[in-house]
Amino acid sequence: MQVPDGGFILSLPLSPGYFAAHLPGYALVIRFFAFFMGYLRAMLISNVVFTVFLASFFYYLLIKFKITQKPLLLVTILLFLPRFLIVRATGSPESIFMLFILLSLYFHEKENYFPSGLCGAIATITKLPGLLLLPVFGLSFLEQYRQNKSFSLKKLWVLLIPLSIVLVFSFFWYRYGDFFAYFTAQKNNHFQLFGWYPFAGFDSSKACIGDAWLEVNMLYFIMYGITVAYLWKIKERSFFYFSLVYFAVLLFVQHKDIARYALPLWPFTLIAFQQF
């Protein structure tokens, strides 16, 4: 049923605790745009706006690091990967998440650690895999220490990333009485994203997988695996470490929609294959 602000009344029998399964980053963006156009339009427009920001920043990043001589072509391909073409035109947090992942990695490469940590924190409260930036930066700091035998306290701004999710979970504890309400909500809805073995996304016995898309998912794993190998010698070391860590975790994703969960790797695939 439609309401005056352009949104809809949800008639599904969902308990308030269900919404703890979703982090607040994208919801806050929708809330901001809803002041001007109502919630339904805000959900769609906000995704379009951040897709424009993502494409623009990716173009800037390609030029800044001199990655390719045809940045506009790579940006065009970025926008038209079939799975991204869908999620960037509907209500989904991927564009926001991918933008702040790239921003965090960019600032890290420029050794601007506070904005890097801040952008990483925003990515994390949008989608939990933003926490993967923590081991990514840890590996990068370890490599730098091996080379320079020094460590700057400015790098501790990376702790904004885990702090952000602690603050969100503390808010959930205040609202729901459960610090781990995020995981409780997923368990109550019988949603288990990760398996305990590699290539869990090919276990067709699971209800969330079945026997569809498995051949396509194999191609994605091959493409992203080659991406990691190609980025081994890239001078922007955090790009390689992010691809490595994210791909390693992707191996354990227990869902048939690997194409969507792998989207944060897509910009780095374009970087790896830019000559092709």
Protein backbone atom coordinates (compact mmCIF):
# COMPACT_ATOMS: atom_id res chain seq x y z
CA MET A 1 0.00 0.00 0.00
CA GLN A 2 1.37 3.40 -0.97
CA VAL A 3 1.81 6.19 1.57
CA PRO A 4 2.01 9.98 0.96
CA ASP A 5 5.82 10.23 0.95
CA GLY A 6 6.09 7.92 -2.03
CA GLY A 7 7.10 4.87 -0.01
CA PHE A 8 5.21 1.70 0.78
CA ILE A 9 3.86 0.04 3.90
CA LEU A 10 5.49 -3.36 4.30
CA SER A 11 2.80 -5.99 4.85
CA LEU A 12 5.17 -8.93 5.36
CA PRO A 13 5.07 -10.44 8.88
CA LEU A 14 8.61 -9.47 9.88
CA SER A 15 9.72 -8.88 13.45
CA PRO A 16 11.80 -5.76 14.22
CA GLY A 17 14.78 -8.04 14.90
CA TYR A 18 14.82 -9.07 11.25
CA PHE A 19 16.23 -5.69 10.25
CA ALA A 20 19.32 -6.20 12.40
CA ALA A 21 20.53 -8.49 9.60
CA HIS A 22 21.19 -5.36 7.52
CA LEU A 23 23.86 -2.80 8.37
CA PRO A 24 22.86 0.88 8.46
CA GLY A 25 25.14 2.45 5.83
CA TYR A 26 22.81 2.17 2.85
CA ALA A 27 19.74 2.83 5.02
CA LEU A 28 21.22 6.13 6.23
CA VAL A 29 21.86 7.21 2.63
CA ILE A 30 18.24 6.39 1.75
CA ARG A 31 17.07 8.31 4.80
CA PHE A 32 18.99 11.40 3.64
CA PHE A 33 17.56 11.36 0.11
CA ALA A 34 14.08 10.56 1.46
CA PHE A 35 13.83 14.09 2.86
CA PHE A 36 13.57 15.32 -0.72
CA MET A 37 11.75 12.58 -2.64
CA GLY A 38 10.30 9.90 -0.36
CA TYR A 39 11.76 6.52 0.53
CA LEU A 40 11.00 4.54 -2.62
CA ARG A 41 12.57 7.04 -5.00
CA ALA A 42 15.40 7.63 -2.54
CA MET A 43 16.27 3.93 -2.59
CA LEU A 44 16.73 4.03 -6.38
CA ILE A 45 18.17 7.52 -6.84
CA SER A 46 20.78 7.09 -4.10
CA ASN A 47 22.14 4.01 -5.85
CA VAL A 48 22.32 5.85 -9.18
CA VAL A 49 24.07 8.82 -7.58
CA PHE A 50 26.69 6.67 -5.89
CA THR A 51 27.22 4.71 -9.10
CA VAL A 52 28.10 8.02 -10.77
CA PHE A 53 30.50 8.76 -7.89
CA LEU A 54 32.00 5.27 -8.22
CA ALA A 55 32.54 5.59 -11.98
CA SER A 56 34.01 9.09 -11.61
CA PHE A 57 36.40 8.09 -8.86
CA PHE A 58 37.48 4.93 -10.68
CA TYR A 59 38.29 7.13 -13.69
CA TYR A 60 40.31 9.46 -11.44
CA LEU A 61 42.13 6.54 -9.81
CA LEU A 62 43.13 5.07 -13.17
CA ILE A 63 44.60 8.40 -14.24
CA LYS A 64 46.25 9.19 -10.91
CA PHE A 65 48.14 5.88 -10.76
CA LYS A 66 48.72 5.83 -14.54
CA ILE A 67 47.21 2.36 -14.80
CA THR A 68 45.90 2.60 -18.36
CA GLN A 69 45.94 4.84 -21.40
CA LYS A 70 42.21 4.29 -21.93
CA PRO A 71 40.53 5.04 -18.59
CA LEU A 72 37.16 5.90 -20.12
CA LEU A 73 36.97 2.52 -21.82
CA LEU A 74 37.67 0.71 -18.54
CA VAL A 75 35.03 2.77 -16.72
CA THR A 76 32.49 1.89 -19.40
CA ILE A 77 33.26 -1.81 -18.99
CA LEU A 78 33.03 -1.39 -15.21
CA LEU A 79 29.45 -0.21 -15.51
CA PHE A 80 28.27 -2.93 -17.87
CA LEU A 81 29.30 -6.15 -16.19
CA PRO A 82 25.90 -7.93 -16.34
CA ARG A 83 25.54 -8.48 -12.59
CA PHE A 84 26.60 -4.93 -11.75
CA LEU A 85 24.29 -3.58 -14.45
CA ILE A 86 21.42 -5.08 -12.44
CA VAL A 87 22.39 -4.19 -8.88
CA ARG A 88 23.34 -0.60 -9.69
CA ALA A 89 19.82 0.00 -11.05
CA THR A 90 17.92 -1.46 -8.08
CA GLY A 91 17.93 -1.07 -4.33
CA SER A 92 21.30 -2.47 -3.25
CA PRO A 93 24.38 -1.23 -1.35
CA GLU A 94 27.03 -2.47 -3.79
CA SER A 95 27.80 0.88 -5.44
CA ILE A 96 28.31 2.60 -2.08
CA PHE A 97 30.35 -0.29 -0.75
CA MET A 98 32.60 -0.49 -3.82
CA LEU A 99 33.14 3.28 -3.84
CA PHE A 100 34.34 3.44 -0.24
CA ILE A 101 36.50 0.33 -0.68
CA LEU A 102 38.29 2.07 -3.57
CA LEU A 103 38.53 5.32 -1.60
CA SER A 104 40.02 3.54 1.40
CA LEU A 105 42.60 1.74 -0.72
CA TYR A 106 43.43 4.92 -2.63
CA PHE A 107 44.09 6.95 0.52
CA HIS A 108 46.12 4.08 1.91
CA GLU A 109 48.35 4.12 -1.16
CA LYS A 110 48.76 7.88 -0.74
CA GLU A 111 49.65 7.29 2.95
CA ASN A 112 46.69 9.38 4.11
CA TYR A 113 45.74 6.96 6.84
CA PHE A 114 42.93 8.87 8.57
CA PRO A 115 40.71 9.23 5.46
CA SER A 116 41.66 5.66 4.54
CA GLY A 117 40.43 4.38 7.90
CA LEU A 118 37.34 6.58 7.77
CA CYS A 119 36.34 5.38 4.30
CA GLY A 120 37.01 1.82 5.39
CA ALA A 121 34.71 2.34 8.37
CA ILE A 122 31.92 3.64 6.11
CA ALA A 123 32.36 0.62 3.83
CA THR A 124 32.16 -1.68 6.86
CA ILE A 125 28.89 -0.24 8.19
CA THR A 126 27.49 -0.64 4.67
CA LYS A 127 28.50 -4.29 4.22
CA LEU A 128 30.32 -6.44 6.74
CA PRO A 129 33.03 -7.61 4.26
CA GLY A 130 34.46 -4.12 4.69
CA LEU A 131 36.20 -5.67 7.71
CA LEU A 132 38.45 -7.47 5.24
CA LEU A 133 40.29 -4.17 4.80
CA LEU A 134 41.81 -4.79 8.23
CA PRO A 135 43.91 -7.84 7.20
CA VAL A 136 44.55 -6.17 3.83
CA PHE A 137 46.16 -3.17 5.48
CA GLY A 138 47.85 -5.43 8.01
CA LEU A 139 49.60 -7.32 5.21
CA SER A 140 50.54 -4.04 3.55
CA PHE A 141 51.99 -2.67 6.82
CA LEU A 142 53.93 -5.90 7.32
CA GLU A 143 55.48 -5.62 3.87
CA GLN A 144 56.37 -1.97 4.51
CA TYR A 145 57.94 -2.88 7.86
CA ARG A 146 60.05 -5.61 6.27
CA GLN A 147 61.35 -3.06 3.77
CA ASN A 148 61.80 -0.01 6.03
CA LYS A 149 62.03 -1.46 9.55
CA SER A 150 59.77 1.33 10.81
CA PHE A 151 56.14 1.80 11.82
CA SER A 152 54.23 5.08 12.03
CA LEU A 153 51.52 5.51 14.66
CA LYS A 154 49.45 7.27 11.99
CA LYS A 155 48.74 3.82 10.59
CA LEU A 156 46.63 3.06 13.67
CA TRP A 157 43.78 5.01 12.06
CA VAL A 158 43.03 1.66 10.44
CA LEU A 159 41.41 0.74 13.76
CA LEU A 160 38.48 2.95 12.77
CA ILE A 161 37.36 -0.01 10.66
CA PRO A 162 36.69 -2.48 13.50
CA LEU A 163 35.57 0.39 15.76
CA SER A 164 32.78 1.25 13.32
CA ILE A 165 31.23 -2.22 13.52
CA VAL A 166 31.61 -2.24 17.31
CA LEU A 167 29.58 0.98 17.43
CA VAL A 168 26.89 -0.47 15.16
CA PHE A 169 26.67 -3.65 17.23
CA SER A 170 26.51 -1.52 20.38
CA PHE A 171 23.55 0.32 18.87
CA PHE A 172 21.92 -3.05 18.12
CA TRP A 173 22.51 -4.03 21.76
CA TYR A 174 20.78 -0.81 22.85
CA ARG A 175 17.81 -1.36 20.50
CA TYR A 176 17.46 -5.15 20.60
CA GLY A 177 19.21 -6.16 23.81
CA ASP A 178 21.61 -8.33 21.79
CA PHE A 179 25.12 -7.18 20.83
CA PHE A 180 25.25 -9.89 18.16
CA ALA A 181 21.75 -9.18 16.81
CA TYR A 182 23.20 -9.06 13.28
CA PHE A 183 24.17 -12.73 13.45
CA THR A 184 21.09 -13.70 15.47
CA ALA A 185 18.80 -12.26 12.78
CA GLN A 186 20.59 -14.19 10.05
CA LYS A 187 20.41 -17.41 12.07
CA ASN A 188 16.68 -16.91 12.74
CA ASN A 189 16.11 -16.51 9.00
CA HIS A 190 18.14 -19.66 8.29
CA PHE A 191 20.73 -17.70 6.32
CA GLN A 192 24.30 -18.98 6.42
CA LEU A 193 26.57 -17.15 4.04
CA PHE A 194 29.77 -19.10 4.66
CA GLY A 195 30.58 -22.77 4.54
CA TRP A 196 33.47 -24.48 6.32
CA TYR A 197 35.12 -25.73 3.14
CA PRO A 198 36.41 -24.13 -0.09
CA PHE A 199 34.06 -23.74 -3.06
CA ALA A 200 31.03 -24.03 -0.77
CA GLY A 201 29.08 -22.19 -3.46
CA PHE A 202 29.02 -25.38 -5.53
CA ASP A 203 27.26 -27.49 -2.91
CA SER A 204 23.99 -28.03 -4.79
CA SER A 205 22.42 -29.77 -1.78
CA LYS A 206 21.99 -26.38 -0.08
CA ALA A 207 18.66 -24.63 -0.59
CA CYS A 208 20.33 -21.30 -1.39
CA ILE A 209 22.44 -22.85 -4.18
CA GLY A 210 20.64 -25.56 -6.14
CA ASP A 211 22.00 -26.53 -9.54
CA ALA A 212 21.60 -23.20 -11.40
CA TRP A 213 24.44 -20.81 -12.35
CA LEU A 214 27.18 -23.23 -11.28
CA GLU A 215 28.95 -23.19 -14.66
CA VAL A 216 28.92 -19.39 -14.70
CA ASN A 217 30.25 -19.28 -11.14
CA MET A 218 33.18 -21.46 -12.19
CA LEU A 219 34.08 -18.87 -14.83
CA TYR A 220 33.94 -16.11 -12.20
CA PHE A 221 36.26 -18.02 -9.89
CA ILE A 222 38.71 -18.56 -12.75
CA MET A 223 38.58 -14.89 -13.76
CA TYR A 224 39.07 -13.54 -10.26
CA GLY A 225 41.73 -16.13 -9.45
CA ILE A 226 43.73 -15.01 -12.47
CA THR A 227 43.20 -11.41 -11.34
CA VAL A 228 44.97 -12.15 -8.06
CA ALA A 229 47.88 -13.75 -9.93
CA TYR A 230 48.18 -10.82 -12.35
CA LEU A 231 48.20 -8.23 -9.54
CA TRP A 232 51.07 -9.97 -7.74
CA LYS A 233 53.63 -7.49 -9.12
CA ILE A 234 51.48 -4.34 -9.13
CA LYS A 235 53.16 -1.43 -7.39
CA GLU A 236 49.94 -0.48 -5.58
CA ARG A 237 50.37 -3.30 -3.08
CA SER A 238 47.05 -2.82 -1.27
CA PHE A 239 45.26 -3.57 -4.55
CA PHE A 240 46.93 -6.96 -4.66
CA TYR A 241 46.33 -7.70 -0.99
CA PHE A 242 42.66 -6.76 -1.24
CA SER A 243 42.19 -9.03 -4.25
CA LEU A 244 44.02 -11.85 -2.47
CA VAL A 245 42.11 -11.59 0.83
CA TYR A 246 38.71 -11.03 -0.74
CA PHE A 247 39.15 -13.90 -3.21
CA ALA A 248 40.27 -16.23 -0.41
CA VAL A 249 37.10 -15.43 1.56
CA LEU A 250 34.96 -15.71 -1.59
CA LEU A 251 36.00 -19.36 -1.87
CA PHE A 252 33.94 -20.08 1.25
CA VAL A 253 30.78 -18.18 0.26
CA GLN A 254 27.87 -20.60 0.38
CA HIS A 255 25.50 -18.99 -2.11
CA LYS A 256 24.76 -19.35 -5.81
CA ASP A 257 24.98 -15.59 -6.48
CA ILE A 258 28.78 -15.54 -6.53
CA ALA A 259 28.67 -12.86 -9.24
CA ARG A 260 27.14 -10.37 -6.82
CA TYR A 261 29.27 -11.23 -3.80
CA ALA A 262 32.38 -10.95 -5.97
CA LEU A 263 31.55 -7.46 -7.32
CA PRO A 264 34.17 -5.64 -5.18
CA LEU A 265 36.81 -7.58 -7.13
CA TRP A 266 35.52 -6.35 -10.49
CA PRO A 267 37.42 -3.00 -10.60
CA PHE A 268 40.66 -4.82 -9.83
CA THR A 269 39.97 -7.33 -12.58
CA LEU A 270 39.77 -4.42 -15.03
CA ILE A 271 43.07 -3.12 -13.69
CA ALA A 272 44.70 -6.54 -14.04
CA PHE A 273 43.41 -7.07 -17.60
CA GLN A 274 43.56 -3.44 -18.79
CA GLN A 275 45.92 -4.24 -21.67
CA PHE A 276 43.63 -7.02 -22.91
